[in-house]
Amino acid sequence: TEISMPTDLTELIITLERTRCLGTCPVYKLTISGDGTVVYEGKDFVKVKGMKKSRVSPLKIREA
């Protein structure tokens, strides 16, 4: 199945979230916006806790 990328990425939001389990599963959320904003929120059982923000080129998002 092929997914077509919209020409306007301003409303694009991609989120990956891992939630709690009965053991020591990592709990975090990663959000990538079409404008290149990347937000990581580490909660439990992760190496980096807290919120971190970064940016990637919107061209890289289009390539993905």
N, C-alpha and C. Protein backbone atom coordinates (compact mmCIF):
# COMPACT_ATOMS: atom_id res chain seq x y z
N THR A 1 0.84 -1.17 0.00
CA THR A 1 0.00 0.00 0.00
C THR A 1 0.88 1.23 0.00
N GLU A 2 0.60 2.15 -0.88
CA GLU A 2 1.37 3.39 -0.96
C GLU A 2 0.56 4.52 -0.36
N ILE A 3 1.23 5.35 0.45
CA ILE A 3 0.59 6.50 1.07
C ILE A 3 1.08 7.74 0.36
N SER A 4 0.17 8.59 -0.09
CA SER A 4 0.59 9.81 -0.76
C SER A 4 0.76 10.92 0.27
N MET A 5 1.83 11.70 0.10
CA MET A 5 2.15 12.78 1.00
C MET A 5 1.43 14.04 0.53
N PRO A 6 0.72 14.74 1.42
CA PRO A 6 0.07 15.98 1.01
C PRO A 6 1.11 17.04 0.64
N THR A 7 0.74 17.96 -0.22
CA THR A 7 1.68 19.01 -0.62
C THR A 7 1.89 20.03 0.49
N ASP A 8 0.88 20.27 1.33
CA ASP A 8 0.99 21.20 2.45
C ASP A 8 1.13 20.40 3.74
N LEU A 9 2.31 20.48 4.35
CA LEU A 9 2.57 19.69 5.56
C LEU A 9 2.31 20.45 6.85
N THR A 10 1.79 21.66 6.80
CA THR A 10 1.64 22.47 8.00
C THR A 10 0.72 21.83 9.04
N GLU A 11 -0.22 21.01 8.64
CA GLU A 11 -1.13 20.38 9.59
C GLU A 11 -0.75 18.94 9.91
N LEU A 12 0.36 18.47 9.36
CA LEU A 12 0.80 17.10 9.60
C LEU A 12 1.37 16.95 11.01
N ILE A 13 0.93 15.93 11.73
CA ILE A 13 1.48 15.60 13.05
C ILE A 13 1.62 14.08 13.11
N ILE A 14 2.84 13.64 13.41
CA ILE A 14 3.12 12.21 13.55
C ILE A 14 3.49 11.97 15.01
N THR A 15 2.82 11.03 15.67
CA THR A 15 3.07 10.77 17.08
C THR A 15 3.34 9.29 17.30
N LEU A 16 4.39 9.02 18.09
CA LEU A 16 4.70 7.67 18.55
C LEU A 16 4.67 7.74 20.07
N GLU A 17 3.84 6.91 20.68
CA GLU A 17 3.73 6.93 22.14
C GLU A 17 3.78 5.51 22.68
N ARG A 18 4.64 5.34 23.68
CA ARG A 18 4.71 4.05 24.39
C ARG A 18 4.20 4.30 25.80
N THR A 19 3.27 3.46 26.24
CA THR A 19 2.64 3.65 27.54
C THR A 19 3.07 2.56 28.52
N ARG A 20 2.60 2.69 29.72
CA ARG A 20 2.99 1.78 30.81
C ARG A 20 2.61 0.33 30.52
N CYS A 21 3.38 -0.54 31.13
CA CYS A 21 3.07 -1.97 31.10
C CYS A 21 3.18 -2.48 32.53
N LEU A 22 3.13 -3.77 32.72
CA LEU A 22 3.22 -4.32 34.07
C LEU A 22 4.65 -4.40 34.58
N GLY A 23 5.63 -4.11 33.72
CA GLY A 23 7.03 -4.20 34.12
C GLY A 23 7.72 -2.85 34.00
N THR A 24 8.89 -2.88 33.37
CA THR A 24 9.71 -1.67 33.26
C THR A 24 9.78 -1.17 31.81
N CYS A 25 8.67 -1.18 31.14
CA CYS A 25 8.62 -0.70 29.76
C CYS A 25 8.90 0.80 29.71
N PRO A 26 9.65 1.25 28.70
CA PRO A 26 9.87 2.69 28.56
C PRO A 26 8.54 3.42 28.30
N VAL A 27 8.37 4.57 28.94
CA VAL A 27 7.18 5.38 28.76
C VAL A 27 7.63 6.72 28.18
N TYR A 28 7.25 6.97 26.93
CA TYR A 28 7.66 8.21 26.28
C TYR A 28 6.71 8.53 25.14
N LYS A 29 6.85 9.76 24.64
CA LYS A 29 6.04 10.21 23.51
C LYS A 29 6.95 11.04 22.60
N LEU A 30 6.87 10.80 21.32
CA LEU A 30 7.65 11.53 20.32
C LEU A 30 6.67 12.08 19.29
N THR A 31 6.73 13.39 19.08
CA THR A 31 5.84 14.05 18.12
C THR A 31 6.67 14.81 17.10
N ILE A 32 6.37 14.59 15.83
CA ILE A 32 7.03 15.29 14.74
C ILE A 32 5.96 16.05 13.96
N SER A 33 6.16 17.35 13.82
CA SER A 33 5.21 18.19 13.09
C SER A 33 5.72 18.45 11.68
N GLY A 34 4.80 18.77 10.80
CA GLY A 34 5.14 19.01 9.41
C GLY A 34 6.11 20.15 9.18
N ASP A 35 6.19 21.08 10.15
CA ASP A 35 7.12 22.20 10.01
C ASP A 35 8.54 21.84 10.47
N GLY A 36 8.72 20.60 10.92
CA GLY A 36 10.05 20.14 11.32
C GLY A 36 10.28 20.12 12.82
N THR A 37 9.30 20.55 13.60
CA THR A 37 9.43 20.54 15.06
C THR A 37 9.36 19.11 15.58
N VAL A 38 10.30 18.75 16.45
CA VAL A 38 10.32 17.42 17.07
C VAL A 38 10.27 17.62 18.58
N VAL A 39 9.32 16.95 19.25
CA VAL A 39 9.19 17.05 20.71
C VAL A 39 9.24 15.64 21.29
N TYR A 40 10.16 15.45 22.25
CA TYR A 40 10.30 14.17 22.96
C TYR A 40 9.89 14.41 24.40
N GLU A 41 9.04 13.54 24.94
CA GLU A 41 8.65 13.60 26.34
C GLU A 41 8.96 12.26 26.99
N GLY A 42 10.04 12.19 27.75
CA GLY A 42 10.41 10.96 28.45
C GLY A 42 9.81 10.95 29.84
N LYS A 43 9.16 9.85 30.21
CA LYS A 43 8.48 9.80 31.51
C LYS A 43 9.12 8.79 32.45
N ASP A 44 9.05 7.52 32.14
CA ASP A 44 9.57 6.48 33.05
C ASP A 44 10.37 5.45 32.27
N PHE A 45 11.39 4.91 32.94
CA PHE A 45 12.22 3.83 32.40
C PHE A 45 12.87 4.22 31.07
N VAL A 46 13.26 5.49 30.97
CA VAL A 46 13.97 5.99 29.79
C VAL A 46 15.28 6.62 30.25
N LYS A 47 16.22 6.71 29.36
CA LYS A 47 17.52 7.30 29.67
C LYS A 47 17.40 8.81 29.89
N VAL A 48 16.55 9.48 29.09
CA VAL A 48 16.37 10.92 29.18
C VAL A 48 14.93 11.21 29.60
N LYS A 49 14.75 11.80 30.79
CA LYS A 49 13.41 12.16 31.26
C LYS A 49 13.17 13.64 31.01
N GLY A 50 11.90 13.98 30.85
CA GLY A 50 11.53 15.37 30.62
C GLY A 50 11.27 15.65 29.16
N MET A 51 11.07 16.94 28.87
CA MET A 51 10.74 17.35 27.50
C MET A 51 11.98 17.91 26.82
N LYS A 52 12.20 17.49 25.60
CA LYS A 52 13.28 17.99 24.76
C LYS A 52 12.69 18.38 23.43
N LYS A 53 13.12 19.52 22.90
CA LYS A 53 12.63 19.98 21.60
C LYS A 53 13.80 20.10 20.64
N SER A 54 13.53 19.83 19.38
CA SER A 54 14.53 19.95 18.34
C SER A 54 13.81 20.24 17.02
N ARG A 55 14.59 20.36 15.96
CA ARG A 55 14.01 20.60 14.64
C ARG A 55 14.74 19.74 13.61
N VAL A 56 14.01 19.33 12.62
CA VAL A 56 14.58 18.68 11.45
C VAL A 56 14.09 19.43 10.23
N SER A 57 14.77 19.28 9.14
CA SER A 57 14.36 19.95 7.92
C SER A 57 13.02 19.39 7.44
N PRO A 58 12.08 20.26 7.09
CA PRO A 58 10.82 19.76 6.53
C PRO A 58 11.04 18.88 5.29
N LEU A 59 12.16 19.09 4.60
CA LEU A 59 12.47 18.24 3.45
C LEU A 59 12.70 16.79 3.90
N LYS A 60 13.31 16.61 5.08
CA LYS A 60 13.52 15.25 5.61
C LYS A 60 12.19 14.58 5.91
N ILE A 61 11.24 15.34 6.39
CA ILE A 61 9.91 14.79 6.66
C ILE A 61 9.26 14.35 5.36
N ARG A 62 9.39 15.16 4.36
CA ARG A 62 8.81 14.81 3.06
C ARG A 62 9.45 13.56 2.49
N GLU A 63 10.78 13.37 2.73
CA GLU A 63 11.48 12.19 2.22
C GLU A 63 11.02 10.91 2.91
N ALA A 64 10.59 11.02 4.17
CA ALA A 64 10.21 9.84 4.93
C ALA A 64 8.97 9.30 4.43
